[in-house]
């Protein structure tokens, strides 16, 4: 999942980005409203964390322009402590949720997970393909009732594939949603990580869940292979 953080407090933005990256999210950061608006309208994101008080353009203005441009990416607005008018204005302008500062990282993560589920009702809380399950909230993967240990990047890759069952996704799609915008390495990193996943979720169980579509990309079989 790819998150855009628009926050001018660089220490807070860095802390949020670091925490989300450790959970397997791909994170982009903008420190003012102008850059944030550009990134939100020109790059694909699954959710946006947007502060109200920003240089250049306020969070309100960024949100207003996003919705006017029919960009419907879910937005979690960061508001002032006890700022009930901030919260009301944010929701009226098209925010999907809000969180008052100061907040704990645990609460932020819970809001993000709930927001992603709420704005896309078809997304189950626990993803599954046959006897393979992935619980993003608990950061837990199981197959045939056996727990499988995944690195954050492996977890993020599997989550992306499970959210697109039976669809062919290209290496570019995977790099866009699982790695962040600063990645400038070899795209073969995707093939490497698919190999890692296969050795963990398929080989020990004699399964073939992730299929290579030559010249196109990869497909995760909803039947579990």
Protein backbone atom coordinates (compact mmCIF):
# COMPACT_ATOMS: atom_id res chain seq x y z
CA UNK A 1 0.00 0.00 0.00
CA UNK A 2 1.33 3.45 -0.93
CA UNK A 3 0.79 6.39 1.42
CA UNK A 4 1.39 10.09 0.81
CA UNK A 5 2.23 12.11 3.94
CA UNK A 6 1.78 15.89 3.55
CA UNK A 7 3.17 17.40 6.74
CA UNK A 8 5.43 20.44 7.20
CA UNK A 9 6.82 19.37 10.58
CA UNK A 10 9.76 17.44 9.20
CA UNK A 11 10.42 15.50 12.40
CA UNK A 12 6.81 14.32 12.60
CA UNK A 13 6.69 13.51 8.89
CA UNK A 14 9.90 11.49 9.16
CA UNK A 15 8.62 9.61 12.20
CA UNK A 16 5.34 8.74 10.45
CA UNK A 17 7.16 7.66 7.29
CA UNK A 18 9.62 5.54 9.24
CA UNK A 19 6.88 3.80 11.21
CA UNK A 20 4.77 3.10 8.13
CA UNK A 21 7.78 1.80 6.21
CA UNK A 22 8.49 -0.64 9.04
CA UNK A 23 4.92 -1.90 8.61
CA UNK A 24 5.56 -2.51 4.90
CA UNK A 25 3.92 0.62 3.45
CA UNK A 26 5.54 2.52 0.60
CA UNK A 27 5.67 6.15 1.75
CA UNK A 28 6.04 9.44 -0.12
CA UNK A 29 6.46 12.70 1.81
CA UNK A 30 5.73 16.33 0.92
CA UNK A 31 6.44 19.25 3.26
CA UNK A 32 4.17 21.90 1.75
CA UNK A 33 0.77 22.15 0.14
CA UNK A 34 2.02 22.84 -3.39
CA UNK A 35 4.27 19.78 -3.58
CA UNK A 36 1.66 17.70 -1.77
CA UNK A 37 -1.07 18.65 -4.25
CA UNK A 38 1.20 17.82 -7.20
CA UNK A 39 2.10 14.41 -5.77
CA UNK A 40 -1.51 13.64 -4.88
CA UNK A 41 -2.76 14.45 -8.39
CA UNK A 42 0.10 13.03 -10.46
CA UNK A 43 1.08 9.86 -8.58
CA UNK A 44 -1.04 6.91 -7.45
CA UNK A 45 -1.62 6.54 -3.70
CA UNK A 46 -3.91 4.35 -1.64
CA UNK A 47 -4.36 6.93 1.13
CA UNK A 48 -3.22 10.47 1.96
CA UNK A 49 -2.31 11.81 5.41
CA UNK A 50 -2.86 15.58 5.18
CA UNK A 51 -2.07 18.25 7.77
CA UNK A 52 -4.19 21.42 7.88
CA UNK A 53 -1.48 23.98 8.60
CA UNK A 54 0.85 23.89 5.59
CA UNK A 55 2.99 26.48 3.79
CA UNK A 56 2.11 27.28 0.19
CA UNK A 57 -1.42 25.88 0.27
CA UNK A 58 -3.34 24.94 3.40
CA UNK A 59 -4.55 21.40 3.88
CA UNK A 60 -8.09 22.68 3.32
CA UNK A 61 -7.13 24.13 -0.06
CA UNK A 62 -5.26 20.98 -1.06
CA UNK A 63 -8.29 18.87 -0.18
CA UNK A 64 -10.69 21.22 -1.97
CA UNK A 65 -8.60 21.12 -5.17
CA UNK A 66 -8.21 17.35 -5.02
CA UNK A 67 -11.95 16.78 -4.82
CA UNK A 68 -12.62 19.41 -7.51
CA UNK A 69 -10.23 17.48 -9.76
CA UNK A 70 -12.17 14.30 -8.92
CA UNK A 71 -9.26 12.72 -7.10
CA UNK A 72 -11.03 10.45 -4.62
CA UNK A 73 -8.01 9.00 -2.81
CA UNK A 74 -9.00 8.55 0.87
CA UNK A 75 -7.74 11.42 3.03
CA UNK A 76 -6.94 11.28 6.73
CA UNK A 77 -6.79 14.88 7.97
CA UNK A 78 -4.54 15.88 10.87
CA UNK A 79 -6.31 18.56 12.93
CA UNK A 80 -5.48 20.75 15.91
CA UNK A 81 -6.09 19.37 19.40
CA UNK A 82 -9.77 19.70 20.31
CA UNK A 83 -10.35 21.58 17.06
CA UNK A 84 -13.96 20.59 16.49
CA UNK A 85 -14.41 23.24 13.82
CA UNK A 86 -11.29 21.95 12.07
CA UNK A 87 -12.78 18.46 12.09
CA UNK A 88 -16.15 19.66 10.80
CA UNK A 89 -14.56 21.71 8.01
CA UNK A 90 -12.32 18.79 7.01
CA UNK A 91 -15.25 16.41 6.69
CA UNK A 92 -17.37 19.00 4.85
CA UNK A 93 -14.59 19.52 2.30
CA UNK A 94 -14.33 15.79 1.58
CA UNK A 95 -11.93 14.28 4.11
CA UNK A 96 -12.71 10.66 4.96
CA UNK A 97 -11.38 10.72 8.52
CA UNK A 98 -9.50 12.97 10.92
CA UNK A 99 -7.07 12.61 13.77
CA UNK A 100 -6.31 15.28 16.37
CA UNK A 101 -2.73 16.15 17.31
CA UNK A 102 -0.96 14.96 19.34
CA UNK A 103 -1.65 11.31 18.54
CA UNK A 104 0.05 7.99 19.07
CA UNK A 105 1.46 6.04 16.15
CA UNK A 106 -0.63 3.02 17.14
CA UNK A 107 -3.83 5.08 16.81
CA UNK A 108 -2.68 6.55 13.48
CA UNK A 109 -2.07 3.06 12.08
CA UNK A 110 -5.46 1.86 13.31
CA UNK A 111 -7.16 4.83 11.63
CA UNK A 112 -5.36 4.10 8.37
CA UNK A 113 -6.33 0.43 8.38
CA UNK A 114 -9.95 1.25 9.23
CA UNK A 115 -10.07 3.96 6.57
CA UNK A 116 -8.77 1.64 3.87
CA UNK A 117 -11.41 -0.93 4.80
CA UNK A 118 -14.23 1.59 5.06
CA UNK A 119 -13.72 3.36 1.75
CA UNK A 120 -13.43 0.03 -0.07
CA UNK A 121 -16.06 -2.32 1.41
CA UNK A 122 -14.97 -5.13 -0.92
CA UNK A 123 -11.66 -5.31 0.92
CA UNK A 124 -11.87 -7.87 3.72
CA UNK A 125 -10.02 -7.33 6.99
CA UNK A 126 -8.18 -10.63 6.41
CA UNK A 127 -7.04 -11.41 2.88
CA UNK A 128 -7.08 -14.99 1.66
CA UNK A 129 -6.35 -17.32 -1.23
CA UNK A 130 -7.45 -20.85 -0.39
CA UNK A 131 -5.61 -21.76 2.84
CA UNK A 132 -3.22 -18.79 2.61
CA UNK A 133 -4.27 -15.88 4.82
CA UNK A 134 -2.80 -12.45 5.50
CA UNK A 135 -3.98 -10.24 8.36
CA UNK A 136 -2.64 -6.69 7.81
CA UNK A 137 -3.83 -5.40 11.19
CA UNK A 138 -1.97 -8.15 13.09
CA UNK A 139 0.81 -8.30 10.51
CA UNK A 140 0.35 -12.07 10.40
CA UNK A 141 0.61 -14.59 7.56
CA UNK A 142 -0.54 -18.21 7.72
CA UNK A 143 -0.86 -21.17 5.40
CA UNK A 144 -2.55 -24.39 6.42
CA UNK A 145 -2.66 -23.04 10.00
CA UNK A 146 1.13 -22.61 10.06
CA UNK A 147 2.47 -19.13 10.71
CA UNK A 148 4.89 -17.78 8.10
CA UNK A 149 7.42 -15.10 8.97
CA UNK A 150 7.72 -12.39 6.32
CA UNK A 151 9.90 -9.29 6.13
CA UNK A 152 8.00 -5.97 5.84
CA UNK A 153 8.70 -5.80 2.09
CA UNK A 154 7.64 -9.40 1.51
CA UNK A 155 4.48 -8.72 3.52
CA UNK A 156 3.70 -5.59 1.49
CA UNK A 157 4.22 -7.44 -1.80
CA UNK A 158 1.98 -10.32 -0.76
CA UNK A 159 -0.68 -7.87 0.46
CA UNK A 160 -0.65 -6.07 -2.89
CA UNK A 161 -0.99 -9.34 -4.82
CA UNK A 162 -3.77 -10.59 -2.54
CA UNK A 163 -5.69 -7.36 -3.09
CA UNK A 164 -5.62 -8.09 -6.85
CA UNK A 165 -6.43 -11.82 -7.02
CA UNK A 166 -6.38 -13.44 -10.46
CA UNK A 167 -5.26 -10.13 -12.01
CA UNK A 168 -2.02 -9.76 -13.92
CA UNK A 169 0.03 -6.99 -12.31
CA UNK A 170 3.16 -5.65 -13.96
CA UNK A 171 6.53 -5.03 -12.35
CA UNK A 172 5.82 -1.31 -12.74
CA UNK A 173 2.53 -1.65 -10.83
CA UNK A 174 4.32 -3.50 -8.04
CA UNK A 175 7.19 -1.01 -7.85
CA UNK A 176 4.70 1.85 -7.71
CA UNK A 177 2.67 0.44 -4.83
CA UNK A 178 5.20 -1.60 -2.84
CA UNK A 179 8.37 0.49 -3.22
CA UNK A 180 8.41 4.27 -2.83
CA UNK A 181 9.05 7.05 -5.33
CA UNK A 182 12.71 7.27 -4.37
CA UNK A 183 13.51 3.75 -5.53
CA UNK A 184 15.81 3.98 -8.53
CA UNK A 185 17.29 0.49 -8.53
CA UNK A 186 16.88 -2.44 -10.89
CA UNK A 187 13.26 -3.45 -11.53
CA UNK A 188 14.44 -7.06 -11.22
CA UNK A 189 14.15 -6.50 -7.46
CA UNK A 190 10.49 -7.48 -7.96
CA UNK A 191 11.51 -10.86 -9.39
CA UNK A 192 13.88 -11.35 -6.46
CA UNK A 193 11.14 -10.71 -3.90
CA UNK A 194 8.61 -12.86 -5.72
CA UNK A 195 11.22 -15.62 -5.42
CA UNK A 196 11.53 -14.98 -1.69
CA UNK A 197 7.76 -15.24 -1.30
CA UNK A 198 7.52 -18.44 -3.30
CA UNK A 199 10.13 -20.07 -1.08
CA UNK A 200 8.09 -19.18 1.99
CA UNK A 201 4.42 -19.51 0.99
CA UNK A 202 4.57 -22.12 -1.78
CA UNK A 203 7.59 -24.42 -1.72
CA UNK A 204 7.09 -25.84 1.83
CA UNK A 205 3.44 -26.60 1.01
CA UNK A 206 3.93 -27.91 -2.54
CA UNK A 207 1.77 -25.08 -3.93
CA UNK A 208 2.00 -22.64 -6.84
CA UNK A 209 0.17 -19.50 -5.77
CA UNK A 210 2.10 -16.83 -7.65
CA UNK A 211 2.15 -17.33 -11.41
CA UNK A 212 4.59 -15.64 -13.78
CA UNK A 213 2.94 -14.22 -16.90
CA UNK A 214 5.93 -14.01 -19.20
CA UNK A 215 6.62 -10.55 -20.56
CA UNK A 216 3.78 -9.03 -18.55
CA UNK A 217 4.07 -9.59 -14.80
CA UNK A 218 2.62 -11.79 -12.07
CA UNK A 219 -0.74 -13.19 -11.05
CA UNK A 220 -1.77 -14.51 -7.65
CA UNK A 221 -4.24 -17.38 -8.02
CA UNK A 222 -7.24 -17.03 -5.72
CA UNK A 223 -7.57 -20.81 -5.59
CA UNK A 224 -4.16 -21.00 -3.94
CA UNK A 225 -2.45 -22.91 -6.75
